[in-house]
Amino acid sequence: MVVVNKHNDGNRPASRVSEGQDLPSANGATPADQANERMARAEQMVDQLAEKVAHITSLLGRKILWLGARLREEAEDIWEEAQSIRRGEKP
C-alpha cells in the first residue's frame, strides 16, 4: 500500500491506494483518463487524415480515368488517320 496523504496531522486517517491504482491529477483526471483522451484525439486526427487522403485519391482517380479516355480517343484518331492515308483517301 502507498500512503497518499503525506501531511497527515493525526486527526484524519491517511488515504491509502493500492499498488497500480491511478492517482487523480490536479484537474481530477487520472493518468488513464488522460491517456484515453490523448488516444481519442489521436484517433480523431487519423480519421480526419484518412478522409483527406480518400478525397485526394478519389480526385486523382477521376483525373487518371479522364486522361486515359482522352489518350484512347487520340490514339483512335491517329489510327483512323493512318488507315485513311494507307487507303489513299484524301484528308
N, C-alpha and C. Protein backbone atom coordinates (compact mmCIF):
# COMPACT_ATOMS: atom_id res chain seq x y z
N MET A 1 0.84 -1.18 0.00
CA MET A 1 0.00 0.00 0.00
C MET A 1 0.88 1.24 0.00
N VAL A 2 0.37 2.30 -0.67
CA VAL A 2 1.08 3.56 -0.76
C VAL A 2 0.28 4.61 -0.01
N VAL A 3 0.92 5.40 0.82
CA VAL A 3 0.25 6.47 1.54
C VAL A 3 0.21 7.68 0.63
N VAL A 4 -1.00 8.22 0.40
CA VAL A 4 -1.18 9.35 -0.49
C VAL A 4 -1.07 10.66 0.27
N ASN A 5 -1.68 10.75 1.45
CA ASN A 5 -1.68 11.98 2.23
C ASN A 5 -0.39 12.05 3.03
N LYS A 6 0.56 12.86 2.57
CA LYS A 6 1.85 12.98 3.24
C LYS A 6 1.74 13.82 4.51
N HIS A 7 0.77 14.72 4.56
CA HIS A 7 0.63 15.65 5.68
C HIS A 7 -0.49 15.23 6.61
N ASN A 8 -0.41 14.03 7.08
CA ASN A 8 -1.44 13.54 7.98
C ASN A 8 -1.16 14.13 9.37
N ASP A 9 -2.10 14.93 9.86
CA ASP A 9 -1.90 15.57 11.17
C ASP A 9 -2.36 14.66 12.33
N GLY A 10 -2.76 13.48 12.00
CA GLY A 10 -3.18 12.55 13.04
C GLY A 10 -4.67 12.58 13.27
N ASN A 11 -5.36 13.65 12.85
CA ASN A 11 -6.80 13.73 13.02
C ASN A 11 -7.55 13.00 11.92
N ARG A 12 -6.92 12.91 10.75
CA ARG A 12 -7.55 12.22 9.62
C ARG A 12 -6.76 10.97 9.29
N PRO A 13 -7.44 9.91 8.92
CA PRO A 13 -6.68 8.72 8.52
C PRO A 13 -6.01 8.99 7.17
N ALA A 14 -4.85 8.44 6.99
CA ALA A 14 -4.13 8.59 5.72
C ALA A 14 -4.88 7.84 4.63
N SER A 15 -4.97 8.49 3.47
CA SER A 15 -5.59 7.83 2.33
C SER A 15 -4.64 6.78 1.81
N ARG A 16 -5.18 5.66 1.53
CA ARG A 16 -4.34 4.59 1.02
C ARG A 16 -4.85 4.16 -0.35
N VAL A 17 -3.88 3.93 -1.22
CA VAL A 17 -4.19 3.49 -2.57
C VAL A 17 -3.40 2.22 -2.82
N SER A 18 -4.05 1.25 -3.38
CA SER A 18 -3.34 0.01 -3.66
C SER A 18 -2.36 0.21 -4.81
N GLU A 19 -1.33 -0.59 -4.85
CA GLU A 19 -0.32 -0.51 -5.90
C GLU A 19 -0.95 -0.63 -7.26
N GLY A 20 -0.53 0.21 -8.22
CA GLY A 20 -1.02 0.13 -9.58
C GLY A 20 -2.27 0.94 -9.83
N GLN A 21 -2.88 1.49 -8.79
CA GLN A 21 -4.08 2.30 -9.00
C GLN A 21 -3.65 3.71 -9.39
N ASP A 22 -4.38 4.30 -10.36
CA ASP A 22 -4.03 5.63 -10.86
C ASP A 22 -4.51 6.69 -9.88
N LEU A 23 -3.63 7.67 -9.63
CA LEU A 23 -3.98 8.78 -8.76
C LEU A 23 -4.52 9.93 -9.60
N PRO A 24 -5.53 10.65 -9.11
CA PRO A 24 -6.05 11.77 -9.88
C PRO A 24 -5.04 12.91 -9.93
N SER A 25 -5.07 13.67 -11.06
CA SER A 25 -4.19 14.83 -11.20
C SER A 25 -4.92 16.05 -10.65
N ALA A 26 -4.34 17.23 -10.84
CA ALA A 26 -4.91 18.46 -10.30
C ALA A 26 -6.31 18.71 -10.87
N ASN A 27 -6.55 18.33 -12.13
CA ASN A 27 -7.87 18.58 -12.72
C ASN A 27 -8.85 17.44 -12.45
N GLY A 28 -8.43 16.45 -11.68
CA GLY A 28 -9.33 15.37 -11.30
C GLY A 28 -9.27 14.16 -12.22
N ALA A 29 -8.52 14.26 -13.32
CA ALA A 29 -8.43 13.14 -14.26
C ALA A 29 -7.25 12.26 -13.88
N THR A 30 -7.46 10.98 -13.96
CA THR A 30 -6.38 10.04 -13.69
C THR A 30 -5.49 9.94 -14.93
N PRO A 31 -4.27 9.45 -14.78
CA PRO A 31 -3.41 9.26 -15.95
C PRO A 31 -4.06 8.38 -17.02
N ALA A 32 -4.85 7.40 -16.57
CA ALA A 32 -5.54 6.53 -17.55
C ALA A 32 -6.56 7.34 -18.34
N ASP A 33 -7.29 8.24 -17.64
CA ASP A 33 -8.26 9.11 -18.33
C ASP A 33 -7.55 10.01 -19.32
N GLN A 34 -6.42 10.57 -18.90
CA GLN A 34 -5.66 11.44 -19.78
C GLN A 34 -5.14 10.68 -21.00
N ALA A 35 -4.70 9.46 -20.78
CA ALA A 35 -4.22 8.64 -21.89
C ALA A 35 -5.37 8.32 -22.85
N ASN A 36 -6.55 8.05 -22.30
CA ASN A 36 -7.72 7.78 -23.14
C ASN A 36 -8.09 9.01 -23.96
N GLU A 37 -8.00 10.20 -23.35
CA GLU A 37 -8.29 11.44 -24.08
C GLU A 37 -7.28 11.65 -25.20
N ARG A 38 -6.02 11.42 -24.90
CA ARG A 38 -4.98 11.56 -25.94
C ARG A 38 -5.22 10.57 -27.07
N MET A 39 -5.60 9.35 -26.71
CA MET A 39 -5.85 8.33 -27.71
C MET A 39 -7.05 8.72 -28.58
N ALA A 40 -8.09 9.26 -27.96
CA ALA A 40 -9.28 9.69 -28.71
C ALA A 40 -8.92 10.83 -29.67
N ARG A 41 -8.10 11.78 -29.20
CA ARG A 41 -7.68 12.88 -30.08
C ARG A 41 -6.83 12.34 -31.23
N ALA A 42 -5.94 11.42 -30.93
CA ALA A 42 -5.10 10.84 -31.98
C ALA A 42 -5.95 10.10 -33.01
N GLU A 43 -6.94 9.34 -32.55
CA GLU A 43 -7.82 8.62 -33.47
C GLU A 43 -8.61 9.60 -34.33
N GLN A 44 -9.05 10.71 -33.73
CA GLN A 44 -9.79 11.72 -34.49
C GLN A 44 -8.88 12.33 -35.57
N MET A 45 -7.63 12.61 -35.22
CA MET A 45 -6.70 13.17 -36.20
C MET A 45 -6.45 12.18 -37.34
N VAL A 46 -6.30 10.92 -37.00
CA VAL A 46 -6.08 9.89 -38.02
C VAL A 46 -7.30 9.76 -38.92
N ASP A 47 -8.50 9.83 -38.33
CA ASP A 47 -9.73 9.77 -39.13
C ASP A 47 -9.82 10.95 -40.09
N GLN A 48 -9.47 12.15 -39.62
CA GLN A 48 -9.51 13.33 -40.49
C GLN A 48 -8.49 13.19 -41.62
N LEU A 49 -7.31 12.70 -41.29
CA LEU A 49 -6.28 12.49 -42.31
C LEU A 49 -6.75 11.45 -43.33
N ALA A 50 -7.38 10.40 -42.86
CA ALA A 50 -7.88 9.35 -43.77
C ALA A 50 -8.93 9.92 -44.72
N GLU A 51 -9.80 10.80 -44.21
CA GLU A 51 -10.80 11.43 -45.07
C GLU A 51 -10.15 12.28 -46.15
N LYS A 52 -9.12 13.04 -45.77
CA LYS A 52 -8.42 13.88 -46.74
C LYS A 52 -7.72 13.03 -47.80
N VAL A 53 -7.08 11.95 -47.36
CA VAL A 53 -6.39 11.06 -48.30
C VAL A 53 -7.40 10.42 -49.25
N ALA A 54 -8.55 10.01 -48.73
CA ALA A 54 -9.58 9.40 -49.57
C ALA A 54 -10.09 10.40 -50.60
N HIS A 55 -10.28 11.65 -50.19
CA HIS A 55 -10.75 12.68 -51.11
C HIS A 55 -9.72 12.92 -52.22
N ILE A 56 -8.46 13.05 -51.84
CA ILE A 56 -7.41 13.29 -52.83
C ILE A 56 -7.28 12.09 -53.77
N THR A 57 -7.36 10.88 -53.22
CA THR A 57 -7.27 9.67 -54.03
C THR A 57 -8.43 9.60 -55.02
N SER A 58 -9.61 9.99 -54.58
CA SER A 58 -10.78 10.00 -55.46
C SER A 58 -10.58 10.99 -56.61
N LEU A 59 -10.12 12.19 -56.29
CA LEU A 59 -9.87 13.19 -57.33
C LEU A 59 -8.80 12.71 -58.31
N LEU A 60 -7.74 12.14 -57.78
CA LEU A 60 -6.66 11.64 -58.63
C LEU A 60 -7.15 10.51 -59.52
N GLY A 61 -7.96 9.62 -58.97
CA GLY A 61 -8.51 8.50 -59.76
C GLY A 61 -9.36 9.00 -60.91
N ARG A 62 -10.22 9.99 -60.63
CA ARG A 62 -11.06 10.55 -61.71
C ARG A 62 -10.21 11.20 -62.78
N LYS A 63 -9.16 11.90 -62.36
CA LYS A 63 -8.28 12.57 -63.32
C LYS A 63 -7.57 11.53 -64.20
N ILE A 64 -7.14 10.44 -63.60
CA ILE A 64 -6.47 9.39 -64.36
C ILE A 64 -7.44 8.75 -65.36
N LEU A 65 -8.69 8.51 -64.94
CA LEU A 65 -9.69 7.96 -65.86
C LEU A 65 -9.95 8.91 -67.02
N TRP A 66 -10.06 10.22 -66.73
CA TRP A 66 -10.27 11.21 -67.78
C TRP A 66 -9.10 11.22 -68.75
N LEU A 67 -7.88 11.18 -68.22
CA LEU A 67 -6.68 11.18 -69.06
C LEU A 67 -6.63 9.92 -69.92
N GLY A 68 -6.98 8.78 -69.35
CA GLY A 68 -6.99 7.53 -70.12
C GLY A 68 -7.99 7.59 -71.27
N ALA A 69 -9.16 8.13 -71.00
CA ALA A 69 -10.17 8.25 -72.06
C ALA A 69 -9.69 9.19 -73.17
N ARG A 70 -9.07 10.29 -72.77
CA ARG A 70 -8.55 11.26 -73.75
C ARG A 70 -7.45 10.63 -74.60
N LEU A 71 -6.54 9.89 -73.97
CA LEU A 71 -5.47 9.21 -74.71
C LEU A 71 -6.03 8.17 -75.67
N ARG A 72 -7.05 7.44 -75.23
CA ARG A 72 -7.67 6.44 -76.11
C ARG A 72 -8.30 7.10 -77.33
N GLU A 73 -9.01 8.21 -77.13
CA GLU A 73 -9.62 8.92 -78.25
C GLU A 73 -8.56 9.42 -79.23
N GLU A 74 -7.48 9.97 -78.70
CA GLU A 74 -6.40 10.46 -79.55
C GLU A 74 -5.77 9.31 -80.34
N ALA A 75 -5.56 8.17 -79.67
CA ALA A 75 -4.98 7.01 -80.35
C ALA A 75 -5.92 6.51 -81.46
N GLU A 76 -7.23 6.49 -81.19
CA GLU A 76 -8.19 6.08 -82.21
C GLU A 76 -8.17 7.04 -83.40
N ASP A 77 -8.07 8.34 -83.14
CA ASP A 77 -8.00 9.33 -84.22
C ASP A 77 -6.74 9.13 -85.07
N ILE A 78 -5.61 8.90 -84.41
CA ILE A 78 -4.35 8.68 -85.14
C ILE A 78 -4.45 7.41 -85.98
N TRP A 79 -5.04 6.36 -85.39
CA TRP A 79 -5.20 5.10 -86.12
C TRP A 79 -6.09 5.29 -87.35
N GLU A 80 -7.18 5.97 -87.20
CA GLU A 80 -8.08 6.22 -88.33
C GLU A 80 -7.39 7.04 -89.42
N GLU A 81 -6.62 8.04 -89.01
CA GLU A 81 -5.91 8.86 -89.99
C GLU A 81 -4.86 8.03 -90.73
N ALA A 82 -4.17 7.16 -90.00
CA ALA A 82 -3.17 6.30 -90.63
C ALA A 82 -3.84 5.35 -91.62
N GLN A 83 -4.99 4.80 -91.25
CA GLN A 83 -5.71 3.90 -92.16
C GLN A 83 -6.20 4.65 -93.39
N SER A 84 -6.63 5.88 -93.17
CA SER A 84 -7.09 6.70 -94.30
C SER A 84 -5.94 6.97 -95.27
N ILE A 85 -4.77 7.29 -94.73
CA ILE A 85 -3.59 7.55 -95.58
C ILE A 85 -3.21 6.26 -96.32
N ARG A 86 -3.25 5.13 -95.64
CA ARG A 86 -2.90 3.85 -96.25
C ARG A 86 -3.84 3.50 -97.41
N ARG A 87 -5.11 3.82 -97.26
CA ARG A 87 -6.08 3.53 -98.31
C ARG A 87 -5.99 4.54 -99.46
N GLY A 88 -5.25 5.63 -99.22
CA GLY A 88 -5.08 6.61 -100.27
C GLY A 88 -6.20 7.64 -100.31
N GLU A 89 -6.96 7.74 -99.25
CA GLU A 89 -8.05 8.72 -99.23
C GLU A 89 -7.48 10.10 -98.98
N LYS A 90 -8.18 11.11 -99.51
CA LYS A 90 -7.76 12.49 -99.30
C LYS A 90 -8.26 12.97 -97.94
N PRO A 91 -7.43 13.77 -97.25
CA PRO A 91 -7.86 14.27 -95.93
C PRO A 91 -8.96 15.30 -96.02
